Amino acid sequence: MRAYLVDDEELALKRLKRLIEADGRLTVVGSASDPIVALEEIPRLDPDVLFLDVQMPEIDGFQLIARLEGSYLTVFATAYDQYALQAFEVNSVDYLLKPVEAPQLARAIQKLERMHGGSAPRPDLTALLEQMSAALRNVRGGELDRIASRTGDHVRFLELARISHFYAEDKLTFAATAEKNWVVDRTIAELEERLDPARFVRVHRSTLVNLRYIDELYPWFGGRYLLRLKDAKKTEIAVSRDRLKELKQRLGL
């Protein structure tokens, strides 16, 4: 089978392509980090299988497949929590929970092979897209109350009240708790958009802080400020100059 990959995150795209090539059962005939480009290339390349990221700017994975003519076997990649995943699990289109790992990819490819060979029924994409879009509207419509962290095939759901802060480091995003720092598959910008602004504030381009964990705010050199948190490590976090005014307002200063 010939596959086309779409993900707006270049690193995720390269990782998925590398895993597919290592598996050896699919041939990657094209990929795009821009869904608009994908809309132009997919009809021309006419792949058998699409791997689509769900959350992308301008056009999400569901909107992209709805705009394409013809029928494509489709695997969606998602970082959404368990409520959205339930919509995938009850349907015959498969999903990959990001970051994608080899065992779950192998499961999806085995399922694709059965559909492509005719031993398993193909999904009704029209009905499926309606159901999935409705599920995602429910997820997107409200703020997060917990977030998923995936290690291998194990998914841990973290209550936001336990997280002192989120930070980006080495192209990964971490949720810091008393137990450990957990990798989460969302960017700081995405978290800022989805988290309750009454509970979390962005103090740096790479850091979001739980307001309930702030213990001290004090001057640092160069006119900058530091935060000290109430966690066991007494974590200190630098506050960007352009974020200081908003932080003080949130703290009632």
Protein backbone atom coordinates (compact mmCIF):
# COMPACT_ATOMS: atom_id res chain seq x y z
CA MET A 1 0.00 0.00 0.00
CA ARG A 2 1.07 3.56 -0.75
CA ALA A 3 0.80 6.07 2.09
CA TYR A 4 0.67 9.87 2.37
CA LEU A 5 1.40 11.60 5.69
CA VAL A 6 0.14 14.97 6.97
CA ASP A 7 1.25 16.62 10.22
CA ASP A 8 1.99 20.29 10.84
CA GLU A 9 4.82 19.34 13.23
CA GLU A 10 7.92 18.54 11.19
CA LEU A 11 9.47 16.38 13.91
CA ALA A 12 6.31 14.29 14.28
CA LEU A 13 6.14 13.92 10.49
CA LYS A 14 9.73 12.70 10.26
CA ARG A 15 9.21 10.31 13.18
CA LEU A 16 6.12 8.75 11.62
CA LYS A 17 7.83 8.38 8.23
CA ARG A 18 10.83 6.71 9.88
CA LEU A 19 8.60 4.26 11.78
CA ILE A 20 6.60 3.38 8.66
CA GLU A 21 9.76 2.77 6.64
CA ALA A 22 11.17 0.61 9.44
CA ASP A 23 7.97 -1.48 9.48
CA GLY A 24 8.36 -2.11 5.76
CA ARG A 25 4.75 -2.87 4.82
CA LEU A 26 3.85 0.57 3.44
CA THR A 27 5.54 2.83 0.89
CA VAL A 28 5.50 6.54 1.73
CA VAL A 29 4.78 8.36 -1.53
CA GLY A 30 4.51 11.85 -0.07
CA SER A 31 4.10 13.99 3.02
CA ALA A 32 3.21 17.56 3.96
CA SER A 33 3.32 19.78 7.03
CA ASP A 34 0.80 22.15 5.39
CA PRO A 35 -2.72 20.74 4.95
CA ILE A 36 -3.32 23.09 1.99
CA VAL A 37 -0.38 21.50 0.17
CA ALA A 38 -1.73 18.06 1.09
CA LEU A 39 -5.09 18.88 -0.51
CA GLU A 40 -3.28 19.53 -3.79
CA GLU A 41 -0.89 16.58 -3.67
CA ILE A 42 -3.12 13.76 -2.45
CA PRO A 43 -5.38 13.57 -5.56
CA ARG A 44 -2.32 13.70 -7.82
CA LEU A 45 -0.39 10.99 -5.96
CA ASP A 46 -3.52 8.89 -5.30
CA PRO A 47 -2.28 6.99 -2.21
CA ASP A 48 -4.12 4.03 -0.71
CA VAL A 49 -3.71 5.21 2.89
CA LEU A 50 -3.64 8.60 4.63
CA PHE A 51 -2.07 9.29 8.01
CA LEU A 52 -3.57 12.59 9.22
CA ASP A 53 -2.86 14.67 12.29
CA VAL A 54 -6.11 15.81 13.89
CA GLN A 55 -5.09 19.21 15.25
CA MET A 56 -3.63 21.47 12.55
CA PRO A 57 -3.97 25.19 11.83
CA GLU A 58 -6.59 26.36 9.32
CA ILE A 59 -7.72 22.84 8.40
CA ASP A 60 -7.81 19.94 10.88
CA GLY A 61 -7.51 16.32 9.86
CA PHE A 62 -11.27 15.76 9.74
CA GLN A 63 -11.86 18.84 7.57
CA LEU A 64 -9.07 17.76 5.23
CA ILE A 65 -10.50 14.30 4.59
CA ALA A 66 -13.97 15.80 4.12
CA ARG A 67 -12.64 18.06 1.32
CA LEU A 68 -11.05 15.22 -0.61
CA GLU A 69 -12.95 13.41 -3.32
CA GLY A 70 -12.75 9.65 -3.32
CA SER A 71 -12.33 7.13 -0.53
CA TYR A 72 -9.06 6.74 1.37
CA LEU A 73 -8.22 4.38 4.18
CA THR A 74 -7.34 6.80 6.95
CA VAL A 75 -5.47 6.66 10.24
CA PHE A 76 -5.76 9.73 12.46
CA ALA A 77 -2.99 10.82 14.82
CA THR A 78 -4.17 12.64 17.93
CA ALA A 79 -2.96 14.06 21.20
CA TYR A 80 -6.49 14.50 22.54
CA ASP A 81 -7.58 13.00 25.84
CA GLN A 82 -9.71 9.94 26.47
CA TYR A 83 -13.04 11.55 25.57
CA ALA A 84 -11.98 12.03 21.95
CA LEU A 85 -10.28 8.65 21.86
CA GLN A 86 -13.55 6.94 22.72
CA ALA A 87 -14.93 8.18 19.40
CA PHE A 88 -12.06 6.48 17.56
CA GLU A 89 -12.24 3.22 19.48
CA VAL A 90 -15.85 2.46 18.57
CA ASN A 91 -15.19 2.89 14.85
CA SER A 92 -13.25 0.95 12.26
CA VAL A 93 -10.87 3.79 11.33
CA ASP A 94 -7.81 3.47 13.51
CA TYR A 95 -6.01 6.14 15.55
CA LEU A 96 -2.45 6.71 16.74
CA LEU A 97 -1.87 8.43 20.06
CA LYS A 98 1.04 10.85 19.72
CA PRO A 99 3.94 10.49 20.14
CA VAL A 100 3.54 7.46 17.86
CA GLU A 101 5.33 4.26 18.84
CA ALA A 102 6.16 1.22 16.69
CA PRO A 103 3.74 -1.29 18.35
CA GLN A 104 0.66 0.88 17.86
CA LEU A 105 1.70 1.67 14.29
CA ALA A 106 2.07 -2.07 13.59
CA ARG A 107 -1.47 -2.62 14.93
CA ALA A 108 -2.84 0.11 12.65
CA ILE A 109 -1.04 -1.24 9.57
CA GLN A 110 -2.35 -4.75 10.24
CA LYS A 111 -5.86 -3.32 10.36
CA LEU A 112 -5.27 -1.37 7.13
CA GLU A 113 -4.05 -4.54 5.41
CA ARG A 114 -7.28 -6.36 6.32
CA MET A 115 -9.39 -3.51 4.93
CA HIS A 116 -7.28 -3.14 1.80
CA GLY A 117 -7.44 -6.87 1.13
CA GLY A 118 -11.19 -7.01 1.62
CA SER A 119 -11.19 -9.26 4.71
CA ALA A 120 -12.49 -6.39 6.87
CA PRO A 121 -15.19 -3.84 5.91
CA ARG A 122 -14.17 -0.31 4.99
CA PRO A 123 -15.61 2.44 7.20
CA ASP A 124 -18.47 4.76 6.28
CA LEU A 125 -16.41 7.95 6.35
CA THR A 126 -19.40 10.30 6.17
CA ALA A 127 -21.04 8.92 9.30
CA LEU A 128 -17.67 8.53 10.99
CA LEU A 129 -16.59 12.13 10.40
CA GLU A 130 -19.86 13.44 11.80
CA GLN A 131 -19.41 11.43 14.98
CA MET A 132 -15.74 12.31 15.43
CA SER A 133 -16.26 15.99 14.72
CA ALA A 134 -19.03 16.10 17.33
CA ALA A 135 -16.76 14.42 19.87
CA LEU A 136 -13.95 16.86 19.20
CA ARG A 137 -16.27 19.86 19.43
CA ASN A 138 -17.13 18.72 22.94
CA VAL A 139 -13.45 18.39 23.81
CA ARG A 140 -12.45 21.70 22.23
CA GLY A 141 -15.44 23.55 23.60
CA GLY A 142 -14.30 23.43 27.21
CA GLU A 143 -11.11 23.98 29.11
CA LEU A 144 -8.97 21.01 30.08
CA ASP A 145 -9.32 19.55 33.55
CA ARG A 146 -6.66 16.89 33.07
CA ILE A 147 -4.05 16.02 30.47
CA ALA A 148 -2.60 12.80 29.05
CA SER A 149 1.03 11.72 29.22
CA ARG A 150 2.06 8.69 27.18
CA THR A 151 4.98 6.33 27.80
CA GLY A 152 5.08 3.47 25.31
CA ASP A 153 1.59 1.95 25.28
CA HIS A 154 0.79 3.29 28.75
CA VAL A 155 -1.23 6.50 29.10
CA ARG A 156 -1.31 8.40 32.40
CA PHE A 157 -3.95 11.10 32.96
CA LEU A 158 -2.72 13.96 35.14
CA GLU A 159 -5.06 16.16 37.15
CA LEU A 160 -4.21 19.81 36.50
CA ALA A 161 -4.38 20.57 40.22
CA ARG A 162 -1.27 18.37 40.68
CA ILE A 163 0.77 20.22 38.05
CA SER A 164 2.89 23.12 39.33
CA HIS A 165 3.98 24.24 35.86
CA PHE A 166 4.50 23.26 32.24
CA TYR A 167 7.80 23.90 30.50
CA ALA A 168 9.36 23.30 27.10
CA GLU A 169 12.85 21.83 26.84
CA ASP A 170 14.73 20.04 24.05
CA LYS A 171 11.68 20.28 21.75
CA LEU A 172 9.47 18.50 24.30
CA THR A 173 6.81 19.80 26.70
CA PHE A 174 6.78 18.63 30.31
CA ALA A 175 4.17 18.77 33.08
CA ALA A 176 5.91 19.13 36.45
CA THR A 177 4.35 17.31 39.42
CA ALA A 178 5.63 16.31 42.86
CA GLU A 179 6.08 12.76 41.56
CA LYS A 180 8.03 13.49 38.34
CA ASN A 181 8.06 15.55 35.16
CA TRP A 182 5.78 14.02 32.52
CA VAL A 183 6.07 14.46 28.76
CA VAL A 184 2.86 15.78 27.21
CA ASP A 185 2.15 16.06 23.50
CA ARG A 186 1.04 19.69 23.42
CA THR A 187 2.97 22.87 22.84
CA ILE A 188 3.09 25.67 25.40
CA ALA A 189 1.01 27.80 23.02
CA GLU A 190 -1.67 25.10 22.76
CA LEU A 191 -1.77 24.70 26.52
CA GLU A 192 -2.09 28.45 27.03
CA GLU A 193 -5.10 28.45 24.73
CA ARG A 194 -6.83 25.49 26.39
CA LEU A 195 -6.03 25.98 30.08
CA ASP A 196 -8.21 28.03 32.43
CA PRO A 197 -6.60 31.52 32.57
CA ALA A 198 -7.77 31.83 36.16
CA ARG A 199 -5.51 28.90 37.08
CA PHE A 200 -2.53 29.08 34.72
CA VAL A 201 -0.47 32.01 33.46
CA ARG A 202 2.29 32.11 30.86
CA VAL A 203 5.37 33.75 32.38
CA HIS A 204 7.85 32.94 29.62
CA ARG A 205 7.65 31.73 26.02
CA SER A 206 8.58 28.27 27.33
CA THR A 207 6.77 28.20 30.69
CA LEU A 208 3.20 28.15 32.04
CA VAL A 209 2.71 28.33 35.82
CA ASN A 210 -0.13 27.16 38.05
CA LEU A 211 -1.04 30.30 40.02
CA ARG A 212 -1.81 28.24 43.12
CA TYR A 213 1.82 27.11 43.30
CA ILE A 214 3.37 30.60 43.28
CA ASP A 215 5.05 31.33 46.59
CA GLU A 216 7.18 34.41 45.88
CA LEU A 217 7.82 37.00 43.17
CA TYR A 218 11.01 38.98 43.58
CA PRO A 219 13.40 41.20 41.56
CA TRP A 220 16.32 39.68 39.73
CA PHE A 221 19.19 41.32 37.89
CA GLY A 222 18.65 43.38 34.73
CA GLY A 223 15.20 44.51 35.83
CA ARG A 224 13.79 41.02 35.55
CA TYR A 225 11.83 39.00 38.11
CA LEU A 226 11.90 35.45 39.42
CA LEU A 227 9.08 33.26 40.67
CA ARG A 228 9.61 30.74 43.45
CA LEU A 229 7.08 27.92 43.58
CA LYS A 230 5.64 26.04 46.55
CA ASP A 231 6.84 22.68 45.28
CA ALA A 232 9.34 20.54 47.19
CA LYS A 233 12.24 21.79 45.06
CA LYS A 234 11.34 25.46 45.57
CA THR A 235 11.59 25.78 41.80
CA GLU A 236 12.65 29.21 40.53
CA ILE A 237 11.36 30.43 37.17
CA ALA A 238 12.41 33.54 35.27
CA VAL A 239 9.62 35.89 34.20
CA SER A 240 9.92 37.54 30.79
CA ARG A 241 9.70 41.32 30.82
CA ASP A 242 6.78 41.26 28.40
CA ARG A 243 4.89 38.84 30.68
CA LEU A 244 5.47 40.64 33.97
CA LYS A 245 2.57 43.11 33.74
CA GLU A 246 0.01 40.39 33.07
CA LEU A 247 1.44 38.21 35.84
CA LYS A 248 1.17 41.03 38.37
CA GLN A 249 -2.42 41.66 37.33
CA ARG A 250 -3.25 37.98 37.80
CA LEU A 251 -1.65 38.09 41.23
CA GLY A 252 -3.56 41.25 42.17
CA LEU A 253 -0.43 43.40 42.41
